[in-house]
Amino acid sequence: MTHHSPSGQPTVRMWTGVVRTEDRDRYADYVERTGMSAYRATPGNLGAWLLTRDLGDGRTEITTLSRWENLAVIAAFAGDDIERAVFYPEDDEFLIERDERVRHYRQA
């Protein structure tokens, strides 16, 4: 699906995955060094945050949130299909569940 966002319309990008709670801190460090660092280095990125939520059953939800000037600048990070999640080589070692697609929200 192609999205069009008016120039200057801030957009929030959100992705969620799940890891074993015992791997939470190592995976959070890994995501900070890879995806979060890449978000922040991309022109048009207005900030990026990594959130964790222990589910109480040995699993921890990992959510990344990033804020962008508009949808057009997200393509510099994500490629032409901006809704496809971007993964890194060691993600498979950690993730036991993952969203293959990201969600984009216009900031009101």
N, C-alpha and C. Protein backbone atom coordinates (compact mmCIF):
# COMPACT_ATOMS: atom_id res chain seq x y z
N MET A 1 0.84 -1.17 0.00
CA MET A 1 0.00 0.00 0.00
C MET A 1 0.89 1.23 0.00
N THR A 2 0.59 2.18 -0.82
CA THR A 2 1.36 3.42 -0.88
C THR A 2 0.66 4.47 -0.03
N HIS A 3 1.46 5.17 0.74
CA HIS A 3 0.93 6.24 1.58
C HIS A 3 1.48 7.56 1.11
N HIS A 4 0.68 8.56 1.20
CA HIS A 4 1.13 9.91 0.88
C HIS A 4 0.90 10.77 2.11
N SER A 5 1.93 11.45 2.51
CA SER A 5 1.83 12.34 3.66
C SER A 5 2.22 13.73 3.19
N PRO A 6 1.43 14.72 3.52
CA PRO A 6 1.78 16.07 3.09
C PRO A 6 3.16 16.48 3.60
N SER A 7 3.83 17.27 2.83
CA SER A 7 5.13 17.77 3.24
C SER A 7 4.99 18.44 4.60
N GLY A 8 5.89 18.11 5.50
CA GLY A 8 5.86 18.72 6.82
C GLY A 8 4.92 18.04 7.79
N GLN A 9 4.21 16.97 7.37
CA GLN A 9 3.30 16.26 8.27
C GLN A 9 4.10 15.22 9.05
N PRO A 10 4.38 15.47 10.34
CA PRO A 10 5.15 14.48 11.12
C PRO A 10 4.46 13.12 11.14
N THR A 11 5.27 12.07 11.04
CA THR A 11 4.79 10.70 11.00
C THR A 11 5.53 9.88 12.04
N VAL A 12 4.80 9.03 12.75
CA VAL A 12 5.40 8.12 13.73
C VAL A 12 5.37 6.72 13.14
N ARG A 13 6.51 6.04 13.20
CA ARG A 13 6.68 4.67 12.70
C ARG A 13 6.80 3.75 13.91
N MET A 14 6.03 2.65 13.92
CA MET A 14 6.03 1.76 15.08
C MET A 14 6.18 0.31 14.63
N TRP A 15 7.04 -0.42 15.32
CA TRP A 15 7.25 -1.85 15.07
C TRP A 15 7.30 -2.56 16.41
N THR A 16 6.80 -3.81 16.44
CA THR A 16 6.80 -4.60 17.67
C THR A 16 7.28 -6.02 17.40
N GLY A 17 8.08 -6.53 18.33
CA GLY A 17 8.52 -7.92 18.32
C GLY A 17 8.53 -8.44 19.74
N VAL A 18 8.79 -9.73 19.90
CA VAL A 18 8.83 -10.35 21.23
C VAL A 18 10.09 -11.19 21.35
N VAL A 19 10.75 -11.06 22.51
CA VAL A 19 11.94 -11.85 22.83
C VAL A 19 11.72 -12.55 24.16
N ARG A 20 12.58 -13.53 24.45
CA ARG A 20 12.57 -14.12 25.79
C ARG A 20 13.03 -13.05 26.78
N THR A 21 12.39 -12.98 27.92
CA THR A 21 12.74 -11.96 28.91
C THR A 21 14.22 -12.03 29.28
N GLU A 22 14.77 -13.22 29.33
CA GLU A 22 16.20 -13.36 29.65
C GLU A 22 17.10 -12.71 28.61
N ASP A 23 16.58 -12.49 27.39
CA ASP A 23 17.35 -11.85 26.31
C ASP A 23 17.05 -10.37 26.15
N ARG A 24 16.12 -9.86 26.96
CA ARG A 24 15.65 -8.47 26.80
C ARG A 24 16.79 -7.46 26.74
N ASP A 25 17.66 -7.45 27.72
CA ASP A 25 18.70 -6.41 27.78
C ASP A 25 19.70 -6.54 26.63
N ARG A 26 20.09 -7.77 26.31
CA ARG A 26 21.03 -7.97 25.19
C ARG A 26 20.40 -7.54 23.87
N TYR A 27 19.11 -7.87 23.68
CA TYR A 27 18.45 -7.48 22.44
C TYR A 27 18.26 -5.96 22.38
N ALA A 28 17.88 -5.36 23.48
CA ALA A 28 17.72 -3.89 23.50
C ALA A 28 19.05 -3.22 23.14
N ASP A 29 20.15 -3.71 23.67
CA ASP A 29 21.46 -3.15 23.32
C ASP A 29 21.75 -3.32 21.83
N TYR A 30 21.42 -4.51 21.30
CA TYR A 30 21.64 -4.79 19.88
C TYR A 30 20.80 -3.85 19.00
N VAL A 31 19.54 -3.67 19.35
CA VAL A 31 18.67 -2.79 18.56
C VAL A 31 19.16 -1.34 18.64
N GLU A 32 19.64 -0.92 19.80
CA GLU A 32 20.19 0.44 19.91
C GLU A 32 21.37 0.63 18.96
N ARG A 33 22.23 -0.40 18.85
CA ARG A 33 23.42 -0.29 18.00
C ARG A 33 23.09 -0.40 16.51
N THR A 34 21.97 -1.01 16.16
CA THR A 34 21.65 -1.24 14.75
C THR A 34 20.51 -0.32 14.32
N GLY A 35 19.28 -0.76 14.49
CA GLY A 35 18.13 -0.02 13.99
C GLY A 35 17.97 1.37 14.55
N MET A 36 18.09 1.51 15.86
CA MET A 36 17.88 2.83 16.46
C MET A 36 18.96 3.81 16.01
N SER A 37 20.19 3.32 15.93
CA SER A 37 21.29 4.16 15.45
C SER A 37 21.05 4.58 13.99
N ALA A 38 20.57 3.63 13.18
CA ALA A 38 20.29 3.94 11.77
C ALA A 38 19.13 4.93 11.64
N TYR A 39 18.09 4.76 12.47
CA TYR A 39 16.99 5.73 12.47
C TYR A 39 17.55 7.13 12.69
N ARG A 40 18.29 7.27 13.78
CA ARG A 40 18.75 8.60 14.21
C ARG A 40 19.72 9.23 13.22
N ALA A 41 20.43 8.41 12.45
CA ALA A 41 21.40 8.92 11.48
C ALA A 41 20.75 9.31 10.15
N THR A 42 19.48 8.97 9.96
CA THR A 42 18.81 9.25 8.69
C THR A 42 18.25 10.67 8.69
N PRO A 43 18.63 11.47 7.69
CA PRO A 43 18.07 12.83 7.60
C PRO A 43 16.54 12.78 7.57
N GLY A 44 15.93 13.65 8.35
CA GLY A 44 14.48 13.69 8.43
C GLY A 44 13.93 12.95 9.65
N ASN A 45 14.81 12.21 10.36
CA ASN A 45 14.38 11.57 11.60
C ASN A 45 14.34 12.61 12.70
N LEU A 46 13.25 12.61 13.46
CA LEU A 46 13.06 13.59 14.53
C LEU A 46 13.20 12.99 15.92
N GLY A 47 13.58 11.71 15.99
CA GLY A 47 13.78 11.04 17.27
C GLY A 47 13.40 9.58 17.18
N ALA A 48 13.96 8.77 18.08
CA ALA A 48 13.68 7.33 18.08
C ALA A 48 13.77 6.81 19.50
N TRP A 49 12.86 5.90 19.84
CA TRP A 49 12.78 5.35 21.19
C TRP A 49 12.57 3.85 21.12
N LEU A 50 13.14 3.13 22.08
CA LEU A 50 12.95 1.69 22.21
C LEU A 50 12.24 1.45 23.53
N LEU A 51 11.12 0.75 23.48
CA LEU A 51 10.30 0.48 24.66
C LEU A 51 10.27 -1.02 24.92
N THR A 52 10.27 -1.42 26.19
CA THR A 52 10.13 -2.83 26.53
C THR A 52 8.98 -3.00 27.50
N ARG A 53 8.31 -4.15 27.40
CA ARG A 53 7.20 -4.45 28.30
C ARG A 53 7.23 -5.94 28.60
N ASP A 54 7.55 -6.28 29.85
CA ASP A 54 7.55 -7.68 30.25
C ASP A 54 6.10 -8.18 30.29
N LEU A 55 5.86 -9.32 29.65
CA LEU A 55 4.52 -9.87 29.54
C LEU A 55 4.18 -10.80 30.70
N GLY A 56 5.17 -11.11 31.56
CA GLY A 56 4.93 -11.90 32.75
C GLY A 56 4.93 -13.40 32.53
N ASP A 57 5.22 -13.83 31.31
CA ASP A 57 5.22 -15.27 31.02
C ASP A 57 6.55 -15.71 30.42
N GLY A 58 7.62 -14.95 30.74
CA GLY A 58 8.93 -15.27 30.19
C GLY A 58 9.20 -14.61 28.86
N ARG A 59 8.26 -13.78 28.41
CA ARG A 59 8.41 -13.06 27.15
C ARG A 59 8.38 -11.56 27.42
N THR A 60 9.11 -10.81 26.58
CA THR A 60 9.12 -9.35 26.67
C THR A 60 8.83 -8.77 25.29
N GLU A 61 7.90 -7.85 25.26
CA GLU A 61 7.56 -7.14 24.03
C GLU A 61 8.55 -6.00 23.84
N ILE A 62 9.05 -5.88 22.63
CA ILE A 62 9.95 -4.80 22.25
C ILE A 62 9.22 -3.95 21.22
N THR A 63 9.13 -2.65 21.45
CA THR A 63 8.51 -1.75 20.49
C THR A 63 9.48 -0.65 20.15
N THR A 64 9.65 -0.38 18.86
CA THR A 64 10.43 0.78 18.45
C THR A 64 9.46 1.83 17.92
N LEU A 65 9.70 3.05 18.33
CA LEU A 65 8.94 4.21 17.85
C LEU A 65 9.95 5.18 17.27
N SER A 66 9.64 5.70 16.11
CA SER A 66 10.50 6.73 15.54
C SER A 66 9.59 7.80 14.94
N ARG A 67 10.07 9.00 15.00
CA ARG A 67 9.29 10.16 14.52
C ARG A 67 10.04 10.76 13.34
N TRP A 68 9.31 11.04 12.27
CA TRP A 68 9.90 11.48 11.01
C TRP A 68 9.21 12.74 10.51
N GLU A 69 9.93 13.51 9.68
CA GLU A 69 9.35 14.73 9.12
C GLU A 69 8.11 14.42 8.29
N ASN A 70 8.14 13.32 7.54
CA ASN A 70 7.01 12.90 6.71
C ASN A 70 7.29 11.50 6.18
N LEU A 71 6.34 10.91 5.50
CA LEU A 71 6.52 9.55 4.97
C LEU A 71 7.63 9.47 3.93
N ALA A 72 7.82 10.51 3.16
CA ALA A 72 8.82 10.48 2.09
C ALA A 72 10.23 10.24 2.63
N VAL A 73 10.57 10.82 3.75
CA VAL A 73 11.94 10.66 4.26
C VAL A 73 12.16 9.27 4.87
N ILE A 74 11.10 8.56 5.21
CA ILE A 74 11.24 7.21 5.76
C ILE A 74 11.86 6.27 4.73
N ALA A 75 11.60 6.49 3.46
CA ALA A 75 12.14 5.62 2.41
C ALA A 75 13.66 5.61 2.40
N ALA A 76 14.31 6.68 2.85
CA ALA A 76 15.77 6.70 2.91
C ALA A 76 16.29 5.66 3.90
N PHE A 77 15.49 5.35 4.91
CA PHE A 77 15.86 4.31 5.88
C PHE A 77 15.32 2.95 5.45
N ALA A 78 14.04 2.90 5.10
CA ALA A 78 13.34 1.62 4.94
C ALA A 78 13.32 1.09 3.50
N GLY A 79 13.63 1.91 2.52
CA GLY A 79 13.52 1.48 1.14
C GLY A 79 12.14 1.83 0.57
N ASP A 80 11.89 1.38 -0.65
CA ASP A 80 10.66 1.76 -1.35
C ASP A 80 9.39 1.30 -0.64
N ASP A 81 9.42 0.09 -0.07
CA ASP A 81 8.25 -0.42 0.65
C ASP A 81 8.40 -0.02 2.11
N ILE A 82 7.94 1.17 2.44
CA ILE A 82 8.19 1.70 3.78
C ILE A 82 7.42 0.97 4.87
N GLU A 83 6.45 0.14 4.50
CA GLU A 83 5.71 -0.61 5.50
C GLU A 83 6.37 -1.95 5.84
N ARG A 84 7.39 -2.35 5.09
CA ARG A 84 8.11 -3.60 5.37
C ARG A 84 9.10 -3.32 6.50
N ALA A 85 9.07 -4.16 7.52
CA ALA A 85 10.00 -4.00 8.64
C ALA A 85 11.43 -4.25 8.17
N VAL A 86 12.37 -3.54 8.77
CA VAL A 86 13.79 -3.71 8.46
C VAL A 86 14.39 -4.57 9.57
N PHE A 87 15.05 -5.67 9.18
CA PHE A 87 15.68 -6.55 10.15
C PHE A 87 17.18 -6.58 9.94
N TYR A 88 17.91 -6.97 10.99
CA TYR A 88 19.36 -7.04 10.99
C TYR A 88 19.79 -8.48 11.24
N PRO A 89 21.05 -8.83 10.93
CA PRO A 89 21.47 -10.24 10.94
C PRO A 89 21.19 -11.01 12.24
N GLU A 90 21.36 -10.41 13.38
CA GLU A 90 21.19 -11.15 14.64
C GLU A 90 19.75 -11.14 15.16
N ASP A 91 18.82 -10.48 14.48
CA ASP A 91 17.44 -10.47 14.94
C ASP A 91 16.89 -11.88 15.09
N ASP A 92 17.22 -12.77 14.16
CA ASP A 92 16.71 -14.14 14.22
C ASP A 92 17.14 -14.88 15.49
N GLU A 93 18.29 -14.51 16.03
CA GLU A 93 18.78 -15.14 17.26
C GLU A 93 17.89 -14.79 18.46
N PHE A 94 17.27 -13.63 18.43
CA PHE A 94 16.52 -13.13 19.58
C PHE A 94 15.01 -13.22 19.45
N LEU A 95 14.49 -12.88 18.29
CA LEU A 95 13.04 -12.72 18.14
C LEU A 95 12.30 -14.05 18.10
N ILE A 96 11.29 -14.17 18.96
CA ILE A 96 10.43 -15.36 18.93
C ILE A 96 9.08 -15.03 18.28
N GLU A 97 8.77 -13.75 18.17
CA GLU A 97 7.62 -13.25 17.42
C GLU A 97 8.05 -11.91 16.84
N ARG A 98 7.48 -11.57 15.70
CA ARG A 98 7.82 -10.27 15.10
C ARG A 98 6.74 -9.82 14.14
N ASP A 99 6.54 -8.53 14.09
CA ASP A 99 5.71 -7.94 13.05
C ASP A 99 6.57 -7.82 11.81
N GLU A 100 6.07 -8.32 10.69
CA GLU A 100 6.79 -8.19 9.41
C GLU A 100 6.51 -6.83 8.77
N ARG A 101 5.45 -6.18 9.23
CA ARG A 101 5.06 -4.88 8.71
C ARG A 101 5.09 -3.87 9.86
N VAL A 102 5.37 -2.65 9.54
CA VAL A 102 5.34 -1.58 10.54
C VAL A 102 4.05 -0.78 10.37
N ARG A 103 3.75 0.02 11.35
CA ARG A 103 2.58 0.89 11.29
C ARG A 103 3.06 2.34 11.28
N HIS A 104 2.38 3.15 10.51
CA HIS A 104 2.69 4.58 10.44
C HIS A 104 1.47 5.36 10.89
N TYR A 105 1.73 6.38 11.69
CA TYR A 105 0.66 7.22 12.22
C TYR A 105 1.01 8.67 11.93
N ARG A 106 0.04 9.43 11.49
CA ARG A 106 0.24 10.87 11.34
C ARG A 106 0.12 11.50 12.71
N GLN A 107 1.03 12.39 13.01
CA GLN A 107 0.96 13.10 14.28
C GLN A 107 0.00 14.26 14.12
N ALA A 108 -1.02 14.30 14.96
CA ALA A 108 -2.04 15.36 14.88
C ALA A 108 -1.49 16.65 15.45
